[in-house]
Protein backbone atom coordinates (compact mmCIF):
# COMPACT_ATOMS: atom_id res chain seq x y z
CA MET A 1 90.14 168.18 -101.90
CA ALA A 2 86.44 167.40 -101.82
CA LYS A 3 83.73 168.10 -99.25
CA ILE A 4 81.34 165.26 -98.48
CA THR A 5 78.41 165.12 -96.07
CA ILE A 6 77.48 161.78 -94.49
CA ASP A 7 74.38 161.61 -92.30
CA GLY A 8 74.55 165.38 -91.84
CA LYS A 9 78.26 165.48 -90.90
CA THR A 10 80.65 167.20 -93.30
CA ILE A 11 84.32 166.48 -93.83
CA GLU A 12 86.93 167.56 -96.38
CA VAL A 13 89.01 164.72 -97.83
CA ALA A 14 91.58 164.23 -100.55
CA ASP A 15 90.48 163.38 -104.07
CA GLY A 16 90.37 159.63 -104.62
CA THR A 17 89.11 158.90 -101.11
CA THR A 18 86.25 156.42 -100.99
CA ILE A 19 82.97 157.10 -99.19
CA LEU A 20 83.82 154.39 -96.66
CA GLN A 21 87.21 155.92 -95.88
CA ALA A 22 85.63 159.35 -95.47
CA ALA A 23 82.97 157.90 -93.15
CA ARG A 24 85.65 156.28 -91.00
CA MET A 25 87.42 159.62 -90.73
CA ILE A 26 84.22 161.12 -89.31
CA GLY A 27 83.71 158.30 -86.83
CA PRO A 28 82.09 154.92 -86.16
CA ASP A 29 78.63 156.42 -85.75
CA VAL A 30 78.38 157.07 -89.52
CA ALA A 31 80.76 154.42 -90.88
CA PRO A 32 79.03 151.56 -92.75
CA PRO A 33 79.77 147.99 -91.63
CA THR A 34 82.12 145.85 -93.73
CA MET A 35 82.74 142.15 -94.10
CA CYS A 36 85.13 141.95 -97.07
CA TYR A 37 86.90 145.34 -97.13
CA TYR A 38 90.30 145.47 -95.41
CA SER A 39 92.35 148.64 -95.60
CA LYS A 40 95.65 146.71 -95.33
CA LEU A 41 94.86 144.58 -98.41
CA LYS A 42 94.91 145.89 -101.96
CA THR A 43 91.79 145.42 -104.14
CA SER A 44 89.71 144.26 -101.17
CA GLY A 45 86.06 145.23 -100.98
CA GLY A 46 83.09 145.03 -103.31
CA TYR A 47 82.15 141.43 -102.54
CA CYS A 48 79.82 141.41 -99.52
CA ARG A 49 77.68 144.54 -100.22
CA THR A 50 77.17 145.27 -96.52
CA CYS A 51 78.58 148.79 -96.92
CA LEU A 52 75.87 149.96 -99.34
CA VAL A 53 74.90 153.62 -98.93
CA GLU A 54 72.49 156.05 -100.58
CA VAL A 55 74.00 159.00 -102.47
CA SER A 56 71.27 161.63 -102.28
CA LYS A 57 73.38 164.27 -104.04
CA GLY A 58 76.06 163.37 -106.56
CA SER A 59 78.14 166.55 -106.46
CA GLU A 60 77.95 170.32 -106.76
CA LYS A 61 78.30 170.10 -110.54
CA ASP A 62 75.70 167.35 -110.87
CA PRO A 63 73.38 167.35 -107.84
CA ARG A 64 71.23 164.49 -109.13
CA PRO A 65 71.07 161.52 -106.73
CA MET A 66 72.54 158.23 -107.81
CA PRO A 67 69.72 155.94 -108.97
CA LYS A 68 70.84 152.92 -106.95
CA LEU A 69 72.61 152.22 -103.69
CA VAL A 70 76.38 152.06 -104.13
CA ALA A 71 79.16 150.15 -102.38
CA SER A 72 80.88 152.79 -100.26
CA CYS A 73 84.18 150.86 -100.26
CA ARG A 74 84.50 151.20 -104.04
CA THR A 75 82.86 154.59 -104.71
CA THR A 76 85.08 157.68 -104.59
CA VAL A 77 83.85 160.99 -103.24
CA MET A 78 83.03 164.08 -105.30
CA ASP A 79 82.93 167.66 -104.09
CA GLY A 80 79.52 168.46 -102.63
CA MET A 81 78.41 164.84 -102.40
CA GLU A 82 75.76 164.02 -99.80
CA VAL A 83 75.42 160.47 -98.50
CA LYS A 84 72.89 158.75 -96.28
CA ASN A 85 73.89 155.71 -94.29
CA ASN A 86 72.05 155.13 -91.00
CA SER A 87 69.54 157.86 -91.88
CA SER A 88 68.30 156.07 -95.01
CA GLU A 89 65.40 153.59 -94.97
CA LYS A 90 66.59 152.20 -98.30
CA VAL A 91 69.98 151.39 -96.81
CA THR A 92 68.41 149.82 -93.72
CA ASP A 93 66.19 147.54 -95.83
CA ALA A 94 69.00 146.66 -98.25
CA ARG A 95 71.43 145.85 -95.44
CA LYS A 96 68.83 143.65 -93.79
CA GLY A 97 68.50 141.76 -97.07
CA VAL A 98 72.28 141.42 -97.43
CA VAL A 99 72.53 139.98 -93.91
CA GLU A 100 69.76 137.52 -94.68
CA PHE A 101 71.62 136.48 -97.83
CA LEU A 102 74.89 135.99 -95.92
CA LEU A 103 73.10 133.87 -93.32
CA LEU A 104 71.28 131.83 -95.95
CA ASN A 105 73.85 129.03 -95.87
CA HIS A 106 75.67 129.92 -92.67
CA PRO A 107 75.19 127.20 -90.03
CA LEU A 108 74.08 128.03 -86.50
CA ASP A 109 77.46 127.06 -85.04
CA CYS A 110 77.75 129.93 -82.55
CA PRO A 111 77.46 127.61 -79.49
CA VAL A 112 80.52 125.61 -80.63
CA CYS A 113 82.38 128.14 -82.78
CA ASP A 114 85.64 129.64 -81.45
CA GLN A 115 84.83 132.88 -83.26
CA ALA A 116 81.78 133.50 -81.08
CA GLY A 117 82.12 136.73 -79.14
CA GLU A 118 84.37 138.38 -81.72
CA CYS A 119 82.53 137.41 -84.90
CA HIS A 120 81.74 140.29 -87.26
CA LEU A 121 78.83 138.33 -88.71
CA GLN A 122 77.31 138.00 -85.25
CA ASP A 123 77.56 141.77 -84.77
CA LEU A 124 76.17 142.43 -88.24
CA SER A 125 73.18 140.12 -87.80
CA TYR A 126 72.46 141.49 -84.31
CA GLU A 127 72.45 145.10 -85.51
CA HIS A 128 71.04 144.81 -89.04
CA GLY A 129 69.56 141.35 -89.50
CA SER A 130 66.22 139.66 -89.03
CA ALA A 131 65.28 137.13 -86.37
CA LYS A 132 63.82 134.77 -88.98
CA THR A 133 64.85 133.23 -92.28
CA ARG A 134 62.60 132.74 -95.30
CA THR A 135 64.37 129.79 -96.87
CA ASP A 136 63.18 126.20 -96.59
CA PHE A 137 66.13 124.69 -98.43
CA GLU A 138 68.97 122.78 -96.81
CA ARG A 139 72.15 124.71 -96.24
CA ARG A 140 75.27 123.97 -98.25
CA ASN A 141 77.52 121.30 -96.85
CA PHE A 142 81.15 120.87 -97.87
CA GLU A 143 83.55 118.02 -97.32
CA LYS A 144 86.13 118.66 -94.62
CA ILE A 145 89.73 118.96 -95.78
CA ASN A 146 92.99 119.21 -93.86
CA ILE A 147 95.02 122.33 -94.71
CA GLY A 148 97.78 122.00 -92.12
CA ASN A 149 98.67 121.62 -88.47
CA TYR A 150 97.76 125.14 -87.38
CA ILE A 151 94.67 126.28 -89.29
CA GLN A 152 91.22 124.68 -89.21
CA LEU A 153 89.01 125.29 -92.25
CA HIS A 154 85.22 125.21 -91.77
CA MET A 155 84.02 125.86 -95.30
CA ASN A 156 80.35 125.66 -94.25
CA ARG A 157 80.80 128.94 -92.35
CA CYS A 158 82.64 130.80 -95.14
CA ILE A 159 80.98 133.87 -96.71
CA LEU A 160 83.58 134.17 -99.54
CA CYS A 161 84.93 137.55 -98.53
CA TYR A 162 88.29 136.73 -100.25
CA ARG A 163 90.33 138.26 -97.42
CA CYS A 164 92.34 135.11 -96.77
CA VAL A 165 93.13 134.75 -100.47
CA LYS A 166 94.39 138.33 -100.67
CA VAL A 167 96.51 137.87 -97.53
CA ALA A 168 98.19 134.84 -99.07
CA ASP A 169 98.68 136.71 -102.34
CA GLN A 170 100.07 139.90 -100.87
CA ILE A 171 102.10 139.01 -97.76
CA THR A 172 103.32 135.45 -98.41
CA ASP A 173 105.71 134.10 -101.01
CA GLY A 174 103.55 131.22 -102.18
CA ARG A 175 99.78 130.91 -102.22
CA VAL A 176 98.40 127.36 -102.33
CA HIS A 177 94.73 128.12 -101.68
CA GLY A 178 91.98 130.09 -103.36
CA VAL A 179 88.37 130.00 -104.52
CA ILE A 180 87.39 127.05 -106.71
CA ASN A 181 84.13 126.28 -108.55
CA ARG A 182 81.33 128.78 -109.18
CA GLY A 183 77.99 129.94 -107.83
CA ASP A 184 76.74 128.14 -104.73
CA HIS A 185 79.45 125.50 -105.25
CA ALA A 186 82.25 128.05 -104.80
CA GLU A 187 84.54 127.27 -101.89
CA ILE A 188 87.90 128.09 -100.37
CA SER A 189 90.25 125.17 -100.90
CA THR A 190 93.89 124.26 -101.47
CA TYR A 191 95.52 122.80 -104.54
CA ILE A 192 95.09 119.00 -104.21
CA GLU A 193 94.74 119.46 -100.43
CA ASN A 194 98.16 121.05 -99.97
CA ALA A 195 98.97 122.21 -96.46
CA ILE A 196 99.20 125.95 -95.83
CA GLU A 197 102.59 126.21 -94.17
CA ASN A 198 103.95 129.66 -95.02
CA ASP A 199 105.61 131.68 -92.23
CA PHE A 200 102.76 134.22 -92.31
CA SER A 201 99.90 131.84 -93.10
CA GLY A 202 98.33 132.28 -89.66
CA ASN A 203 97.21 135.79 -90.60
CA VAL A 204 94.31 134.30 -92.54
CA ILE A 205 92.81 133.56 -89.12
CA ASP A 206 92.98 137.21 -88.05
CA VAL A 207 91.42 138.57 -91.25
CA CYS A 208 88.57 136.03 -91.42
CA PRO A 209 85.41 137.85 -90.27
CA VAL A 210 83.59 134.60 -89.39
CA GLY A 211 84.62 131.22 -87.97
CA ALA A 212 85.66 129.67 -91.27
CA LEU A 213 89.38 129.80 -90.40
CA THR A 214 90.27 129.17 -86.77
CA ASP A 215 93.37 128.44 -84.70
CA LYS A 216 93.85 124.71 -84.09
CA THR A 217 96.03 125.41 -81.05
CA PHE A 218 93.17 127.34 -79.41
CA ARG A 219 90.18 125.22 -80.45
CA PHE A 220 87.66 124.54 -77.66
CA LYS A 221 90.02 125.72 -74.91
CA SER A 222 87.97 128.70 -73.75
CA ARG A 223 85.43 131.29 -74.74
CA VAL A 224 87.11 134.58 -75.58
CA TRP A 225 85.14 136.52 -72.96
CA PHE A 226 86.64 134.29 -70.25
CA THR A 227 90.16 135.27 -71.31
CA LYS A 228 92.13 138.43 -70.67
CA PRO A 229 93.74 140.07 -73.73
CA GLU A 230 97.01 141.88 -73.06
CA ASN A 231 99.39 143.69 -75.37
CA ALA A 232 102.83 142.08 -75.48
CA HIS A 233 105.98 142.07 -77.58
CA ARG A 234 109.15 140.08 -78.13
CA ASP A 235 112.30 140.41 -80.22
CA CYS A 236 111.33 138.55 -83.38
CA PRO A 237 113.60 138.39 -86.46
CA THR A 238 110.66 137.71 -88.78
CA CYS A 239 107.95 140.21 -87.80
CA SER A 240 107.40 143.18 -85.47
CA GLY A 241 106.70 140.89 -82.52
CA LYS A 242 103.87 143.16 -81.36
CA VAL A 243 100.86 141.01 -80.48
CA VAL A 244 97.92 140.44 -78.18
CA VAL A 245 98.23 137.46 -75.83
CA TRP A 246 94.96 135.98 -74.58
CA LYS A 247 95.49 134.72 -71.03
CA LYS A 248 93.45 132.57 -68.68
CA GLY A 249 95.12 132.92 -65.34
CA ASP A 250 98.84 132.76 -66.05
CA ASP A 251 98.44 130.57 -69.15
CA ILE A 252 98.56 132.02 -72.66
CA LEU A 253 95.86 130.26 -74.69
CA ARG A 254 96.44 132.04 -77.99
CA VAL A 255 98.29 134.87 -79.68
CA THR A 256 96.81 137.24 -82.28
CA GLY A 257 97.74 140.43 -84.06
CA ARG A 258 96.75 143.76 -82.55
CA LYS A 259 93.56 145.16 -84.06
CA ASP A 260 92.26 148.69 -84.48
CA GLN A 261 88.73 149.97 -83.86
CA TRP A 262 87.62 148.59 -87.24
CA GLY A 263 88.71 145.06 -86.36
CA GLU A 264 91.71 145.15 -88.72
CA VAL A 265 95.17 144.02 -87.64
CA GLU A 266 97.69 146.82 -87.27
CA GLU A 267 100.64 144.60 -88.25
CA PHE A 268 100.74 141.06 -89.59
CA ILE A 269 102.66 138.63 -87.38
CA CYS A 270 104.60 135.43 -88.13
CA ASN A 271 103.61 131.86 -87.26
CA THR A 272 106.39 131.55 -84.69
CA CYS A 273 104.90 134.35 -82.61
CA ARG A 274 101.36 133.11 -83.16
CA PHE A 275 101.64 129.37 -82.62
CA GLU A 276 104.97 128.49 -81.01
CA THR A 277 105.48 131.03 -78.20
CA LYS A 278 102.80 130.26 -75.62
CA LYS A 279 104.85 130.77 -72.45
CA THR A 280 104.53 133.95 -70.42
CA SER A 281 108.31 134.09 -70.20
CA ASP A 282 108.47 134.41 -74.01
CA TRP A 283 106.81 137.81 -73.88
CA THR A 284 107.18 141.26 -72.38
CA ILE A 285 103.67 142.10 -71.18
CA GLU A 286 102.75 145.75 -71.75
CA GLY A 287 99.32 145.83 -70.15
CA PRO A 288 95.63 145.21 -70.90
CA SER A 289 94.64 145.47 -74.52
CA PRO A 290 92.00 148.15 -75.26
CA ILE A 291 88.54 146.60 -75.40
CA ASN A 292 85.67 148.19 -77.26
CA ASN A 293 82.53 148.33 -75.13
CA HIS A 294 80.68 147.10 -78.20
CA SER A 295 82.31 143.70 -77.70
CA VAL A 296 81.07 141.06 -75.28
CA ILE A 297 84.74 140.52 -74.36
CA SER A 298 84.54 143.74 -72.34
CA ALA A 299 82.07 142.13 -69.93
CA ASN A 300 84.85 140.69 -67.78
CA HIS A 301 87.01 143.81 -67.85
CA TYR A 302 85.27 146.22 -65.52
CA GLU A 303 88.41 148.33 -65.13
CA VAL A 304 87.56 150.11 -68.38
CA PHE A 305 84.60 151.80 -66.65
CA GLU A 306 85.66 154.69 -64.43
CA LYS A 307 82.21 155.34 -62.96
CA PRO A 308 79.90 152.27 -63.01
CA GLN A 309 76.90 154.35 -61.98
CA GLU A 310 77.18 156.36 -65.22
CA LEU A 311 77.27 153.46 -67.67
CA THR A 312 75.78 154.20 -71.07
CA ILE A 313 73.43 151.82 -72.85
CA ASN A 314 76.28 150.76 -75.17
CA GLN A 315 78.34 149.77 -72.14
CA ILE A 316 75.48 147.93 -70.48
CA ARG A 317 74.43 145.92 -73.54
CA PRO A 318 77.42 143.49 -73.59
CA LEU A 319 76.80 142.65 -69.95
CA ALA A 320 73.14 141.96 -70.66
CA ILE A 321 74.00 139.75 -73.62
CA ASP A 322 76.39 137.68 -71.51
CA GLN A 323 73.81 137.24 -68.76
CA ASN A 324 71.16 136.17 -71.28
CA ASN A 325 73.54 133.58 -72.73
CA ASP A 326 74.16 132.18 -69.26
């Protein structure tokens, strides 16, 4: 066991635990943001650099600070380690630079992107980014390719987090897509434009933190904050059958996996549940899905607030954002 202090909060964790995992155990107020790390996927993390933290004390045996910021998703804790995340000016400046780098080639597609309202890059840029860009060069532009009947690939929006590649590697029996080329020409693509048709291929949509991979059956049907997410389940021979159905009135517009507070799916679901069961009669509805007040989706779900007169600033902000957009 090792004791680690993050932003003044101490916790004891098992040896081999990463700084990011320890921070999540403490709570979201000290946990660094992530764009590529995914606890359900092996070897994920280390690509996006958004989880950089400052180690002000290495350990009890060697109290010297680490000379550079480190990726918390890949750095294991040591007994007596002290870490600064939100309390470090170095981290704040570095994270602002990382966000600017991620947005360097990312198009301003939010008004037409189906990921808007639940996009991790939107949240990251709102909380840590800058309102301006310093580049005068044209953004990258990739040729559109067809990768199947269910999944739409928008390579211009991709930030190369590798999550979709790892999903295909680790939970499907045949991966036909990956990263090709190098440098600023690197892109997600399939082998000679093969279609992605595996039974669990739709999970690449859930793990994508931006709008690079979206659901063709849901495209342009509704904004997510106009829908009502509800937990539901069905007897499925392929997966657990535990999902979130996104309803508009009595119609189910899309089906996704259930996600935890870190935006990660709890269980991967099959394509039959995701794409082919869109009738209310197909599902046993359990009730409203928990909505984080951080999300703009909560704006149309006032039942989560017990006492409206005692709303906190974090609860009010999504409402204000929605009104400004209108």
